[in-house]
Amino acid sequence: MPFQVSTTDRLDVVDITEEVEDRVPTDTEDGICTVFVQHTTAGVVVNEAEQRLLGDIKSYLQELVHDADGYAHDALDGNADSHLRTLLLDESVSVPVRDGSLALGTWQSVLLVDCDGPRTRSVTVTCTS
């Protein structure tokens, strides 16, 4: 079952590790957990959730894809930059599960990157053993 994540900025990065961990079935000893965001203007990545780095991620995406740069899709929705930024991200990540928990590295977190917020986003977690 999907869970909801509310973002507060046009370009926002939210640590969703706890919400994902809560959805790992306790009887999954070893397996894989796939986290999927059901939107074309948001992505999911694994990285460090340190506040300054989260700001750097936003700045980097804005630098690579400029706002309102005369994109053709802007005539329709005004959010072409959001779609283009998510091309640099993934709509899903897979994380190993060991002993019923996400087997992330010391500094790794699961992050939702919203490129067209503020919005409420749906995230699906599927775990298999």
C-alpha atoms as a PDB file:
ATOM      1  CA  MET A   1       0.000   0.000   0.000  1.00  0.00           C
ATOM      2  CA  PRO A   2       1.435   3.421  -0.924  1.00  0.00           C
ATOM      3  CA  PHE A   3       2.240   6.028   1.666  1.00  0.00           C
ATOM      4  CA  GLN A   4       2.009   9.785   1.188  1.00  0.00           C
ATOM      5  CA  VAL A   5       4.801  12.356   1.433  1.00  0.00           C
ATOM      6  CA  SER A   6       4.013  16.069   1.532  1.00  0.00           C
ATOM      7  CA  THR A   7       6.652  18.459   0.235  1.00  0.00           C
ATOM      8  CA  THR A   8       6.948  22.155   1.017  1.00  0.00           C
ATOM      9  CA  ASP A   9       9.035  23.668  -1.815  1.00  0.00           C
ATOM     10  CA  ARG A  10       9.027  23.577  -5.608  1.00  0.00           C
ATOM     11  CA  LEU A  11      12.262  21.573  -5.465  1.00  0.00           C
ATOM     12  CA  ASP A  12      12.360  19.579  -2.230  1.00  0.00           C
ATOM     13  CA  VAL A  13      14.311  16.618  -0.849  1.00  0.00           C
ATOM     14  CA  VAL A  14      12.678  14.577   1.924  1.00  0.00           C
ATOM     15  CA  ASP A  15      14.213  11.712   3.908  1.00  0.00           C
ATOM     16  CA  ILE A  16      11.695   8.842   3.716  1.00  0.00           C
ATOM     17  CA  THR A  17      13.924   6.114   5.194  1.00  0.00           C
ATOM     18  CA  GLU A  18      11.794   5.622   8.327  1.00  0.00           C
ATOM     19  CA  GLU A  19       8.567   5.329   6.352  1.00  0.00           C
ATOM     20  CA  VAL A  20      10.176   2.763   4.045  1.00  0.00           C
ATOM     21  CA  GLU A  21      11.688   0.813   6.960  1.00  0.00           C
ATOM     22  CA  ASP A  22       8.250   0.686   8.625  1.00  0.00           C
ATOM     23  CA  ARG A  23       6.894  -1.145   5.557  1.00  0.00           C
ATOM     24  CA  VAL A  24       9.501  -3.916   5.500  1.00  0.00           C
ATOM     25  CA  PRO A  25       7.684  -7.045   6.693  1.00  0.00           C
ATOM     26  CA  THR A  26       9.280  -8.323   9.885  1.00  0.00           C
ATOM     27  CA  ASP A  27       9.320 -11.861   8.482  1.00  0.00           C
ATOM     28  CA  THR A  28      11.550 -10.813   5.539  1.00  0.00           C
ATOM     29  CA  GLU A  29      14.937 -12.085   6.709  1.00  0.00           C
ATOM     30  CA  ASP A  30      16.873 -11.584   3.467  1.00  0.00           C
ATOM     31  CA  GLY A  31      15.485 -10.050   0.314  1.00  0.00           C
ATOM     32  CA  ILE A  32      15.083  -6.892  -1.661  1.00  0.00           C
ATOM     33  CA  CYS A  33      12.954  -3.815  -1.076  1.00  0.00           C
ATOM     34  CA  THR A  34      11.911  -1.683  -4.031  1.00  0.00           C
ATOM     35  CA  VAL A  35      10.803   1.900  -3.408  1.00  0.00           C
ATOM     36  CA  PHE A  36       8.852   3.454  -6.294  1.00  0.00           C
ATOM     37  CA  VAL A  37       7.458   6.968  -6.668  1.00  0.00           C
ATOM     38  CA  GLN A  38       4.333   7.145  -8.822  1.00  0.00           C
ATOM     39  CA  HIS A  39       4.961  10.505 -10.461  1.00  0.00           C
ATOM     40  CA  THR A  40       6.773  11.893 -13.513  1.00  0.00           C
ATOM     41  CA  THR A  41       8.106  14.954 -11.692  1.00  0.00           C
ATOM     42  CA  ALA A  42       9.579  13.240  -8.631  1.00  0.00           C
ATOM     43  CA  GLY A  43      12.295  10.659  -8.056  1.00  0.00           C
ATOM     44  CA  VAL A  44      13.804   8.436  -5.388  1.00  0.00           C
ATOM     45  CA  VAL A  45      17.526   8.176  -4.627  1.00  0.00           C
ATOM     46  CA  VAL A  46      19.822   6.735  -1.996  1.00  0.00           C
ATOM     47  CA  ASN A  47      22.217   9.279  -0.535  1.00  0.00           C
ATOM     48  CA  GLU A  48      23.167  11.028   2.692  1.00  0.00           C
ATOM     49  CA  ALA A  49      20.412  13.020   4.435  1.00  0.00           C
ATOM     50  CA  GLU A  50      22.680  15.759   5.792  1.00  0.00           C
ATOM     51  CA  GLN A  51      20.918  19.165   5.562  1.00  0.00           C
ATOM     52  CA  ARG A  52      23.682  20.996   3.696  1.00  0.00           C
ATOM     53  CA  LEU A  53      23.926  18.167   1.167  1.00  0.00           C
ATOM     54  CA  LEU A  54      20.159  18.222   0.630  1.00  0.00           C
ATOM     55  CA  GLY A  55      20.496  21.918  -0.235  1.00  0.00           C
ATOM     56  CA  ASP A  56      23.395  21.101  -2.562  1.00  0.00           C
ATOM     57  CA  ILE A  57      21.266  18.489  -4.349  1.00  0.00           C
ATOM     58  CA  LYS A  58      18.579  21.104  -4.991  1.00  0.00           C
ATOM     59  CA  SER A  59      21.128  23.662  -6.203  1.00  0.00           C
ATOM     60  CA  TYR A  60      22.782  21.109  -8.476  1.00  0.00           C
ATOM     61  CA  LEU A  61      19.490  20.124 -10.131  1.00  0.00           C
ATOM     62  CA  GLN A  62      18.589  23.810 -10.639  1.00  0.00           C
ATOM     63  CA  GLU A  63      22.000  24.454 -12.165  1.00  0.00           C
ATOM     64  CA  LEU A  64      21.717  21.529 -14.583  1.00  0.00           C
ATOM     65  CA  VAL A  65      18.145  22.343 -15.644  1.00  0.00           C
ATOM     66  CA  HIS A  66      17.205  26.011 -15.498  1.00  0.00           C
ATOM     67  CA  ASP A  67      13.720  27.190 -14.546  1.00  0.00           C
ATOM     68  CA  ALA A  68      11.486  28.463 -17.365  1.00  0.00           C
ATOM     69  CA  ASP A  69      14.091  28.206 -20.094  1.00  0.00           C
ATOM     70  CA  GLY A  70      11.679  28.371 -23.040  1.00  0.00           C
ATOM     71  CA  TYR A  71      10.846  24.660 -22.974  1.00  0.00           C
ATOM     72  CA  ALA A  72       8.043  23.601 -25.338  1.00  0.00           C
ATOM     73  CA  HIS A  73       6.170  21.716 -22.590  1.00  0.00           C
ATOM     74  CA  ASP A  74       5.881  24.939 -20.560  1.00  0.00           C
ATOM     75  CA  ALA A  75       3.088  26.070 -22.908  1.00  0.00           C
ATOM     76  CA  LEU A  76       1.031  23.151 -21.564  1.00  0.00           C
ATOM     77  CA  ASP A  77       1.823  22.860 -17.837  1.00  0.00           C
ATOM     78  CA  GLY A  78       4.658  25.265 -17.066  1.00  0.00           C
ATOM     79  CA  ASN A  79       6.683  22.480 -15.458  1.00  0.00           C
ATOM     80  CA  ALA A  80       9.019  21.200 -18.160  1.00  0.00           C
ATOM     81  CA  ASP A  81      11.995  21.875 -15.880  1.00  0.00           C
ATOM     82  CA  SER A  82      10.504  19.437 -13.348  1.00  0.00           C
ATOM     83  CA  HIS A  83      10.141  16.673 -15.918  1.00  0.00           C
ATOM     84  CA  LEU A  84      13.674  17.269 -17.213  1.00  0.00           C
ATOM     85  CA  ARG A  85      15.179  17.207 -13.695  1.00  0.00           C
ATOM     86  CA  THR A  86      13.609  13.850 -12.951  1.00  0.00           C
ATOM     87  CA  LEU A  87      15.335  12.420 -16.029  1.00  0.00           C
ATOM     88  CA  LEU A  88      18.512  12.762 -13.935  1.00  0.00           C
ATOM     89  CA  LEU A  89      16.954  10.758 -11.085  1.00  0.00           C
ATOM     90  CA  ASP A  90      15.284   7.361 -10.868  1.00  0.00           C
ATOM     91  CA  GLU A  91      11.643   6.623 -10.182  1.00  0.00           C
ATOM     92  CA  SER A  92      12.722   3.682  -8.011  1.00  0.00           C
ATOM     93  CA  VAL A  93      15.561   2.274  -5.931  1.00  0.00           C
ATOM     94  CA  SER A  94      16.209  -1.229  -4.687  1.00  0.00           C
ATOM     95  CA  VAL A  95      17.682  -1.777  -1.237  1.00  0.00           C
ATOM     96  CA  PRO A  96      18.776  -5.131   0.220  1.00  0.00           C
ATOM     97  CA  VAL A  97      16.929  -6.425   3.274  1.00  0.00           C
ATOM     98  CA  ARG A  98      18.837  -8.346   5.942  1.00  0.00           C
ATOM     99  CA  ASP A  99      17.304  -9.687   9.134  1.00  0.00           C
ATOM    100  CA  GLY A 100      14.042  -7.817   8.490  1.00  0.00           C
ATOM    101  CA  SER A 101      15.632  -4.371   8.048  1.00  0.00           C
ATOM    102  CA  LEU A 102      16.956  -2.225   5.221  1.00  0.00           C
ATOM    103  CA  ALA A 103      20.648  -2.986   4.706  1.00  0.00           C
ATOM    104  CA  LEU A 104      21.715   0.603   4.039  1.00  0.00           C
ATOM    105  CA  GLY A 105      25.271   1.822   4.525  1.00  0.00           C
ATOM    106  CA  THR A 106      26.241   3.994   7.487  1.00  0.00           C
ATOM    107  CA  TRP A 107      25.373   7.310   5.855  1.00  0.00           C
ATOM    108  CA  GLN A 108      22.768   6.111   3.355  1.00  0.00           C
ATOM    109  CA  SER A 109      19.132   7.191   3.437  1.00  0.00           C
ATOM    110  CA  VAL A 110      16.227   6.844   1.023  1.00  0.00           C
ATOM    111  CA  LEU A 111      15.324  10.295  -0.280  1.00  0.00           C
ATOM    112  CA  LEU A 112      12.300  11.514  -2.222  1.00  0.00           C
ATOM    113  CA  VAL A 113      13.201  14.348  -4.596  1.00  0.00           C
ATOM    114  CA  ASP A 114      10.175  16.411  -5.624  1.00  0.00           C
ATOM    115  CA  CYS A 115      10.863  18.643  -8.612  1.00  0.00           C
ATOM    116  CA  ASP A 116       7.359  20.117  -8.942  1.00  0.00           C
ATOM    117  CA  GLY A 117       6.143  20.831  -5.435  1.00  0.00           C
ATOM    118  CA  PRO A 118       4.773  21.578  -3.091  1.00  0.00           C
ATOM    119  CA  ARG A 119       2.650  18.462  -3.500  1.00  0.00           C
ATOM    120  CA  THR A 120       1.605  15.247  -1.854  1.00  0.00           C
ATOM    121  CA  ARG A 121       3.427  12.306  -3.436  1.00  0.00           C
ATOM    122  CA  SER A 122       2.620   8.578  -3.374  1.00  0.00           C
ATOM    123  CA  VAL A 123       5.422   6.130  -2.671  1.00  0.00           C
ATOM    124  CA  THR A 124       5.045   2.357  -3.033  1.00  0.00           C
ATOM    125  CA  VAL A 125       7.253  -0.113  -1.156  1.00  0.00           C
ATOM    126  CA  THR A 126       7.459  -3.744  -2.275  1.00  0.00           C
ATOM    127  CA  CYS A 127       9.628  -6.299  -0.472  1.00  0.00           C
ATOM    128  CA  THR A 128      10.421  -9.833  -1.627  1.00  0.00           C
ATOM    129  CA  SER A 129      12.526 -12.562  -0.108  1.00  0.00           C
END
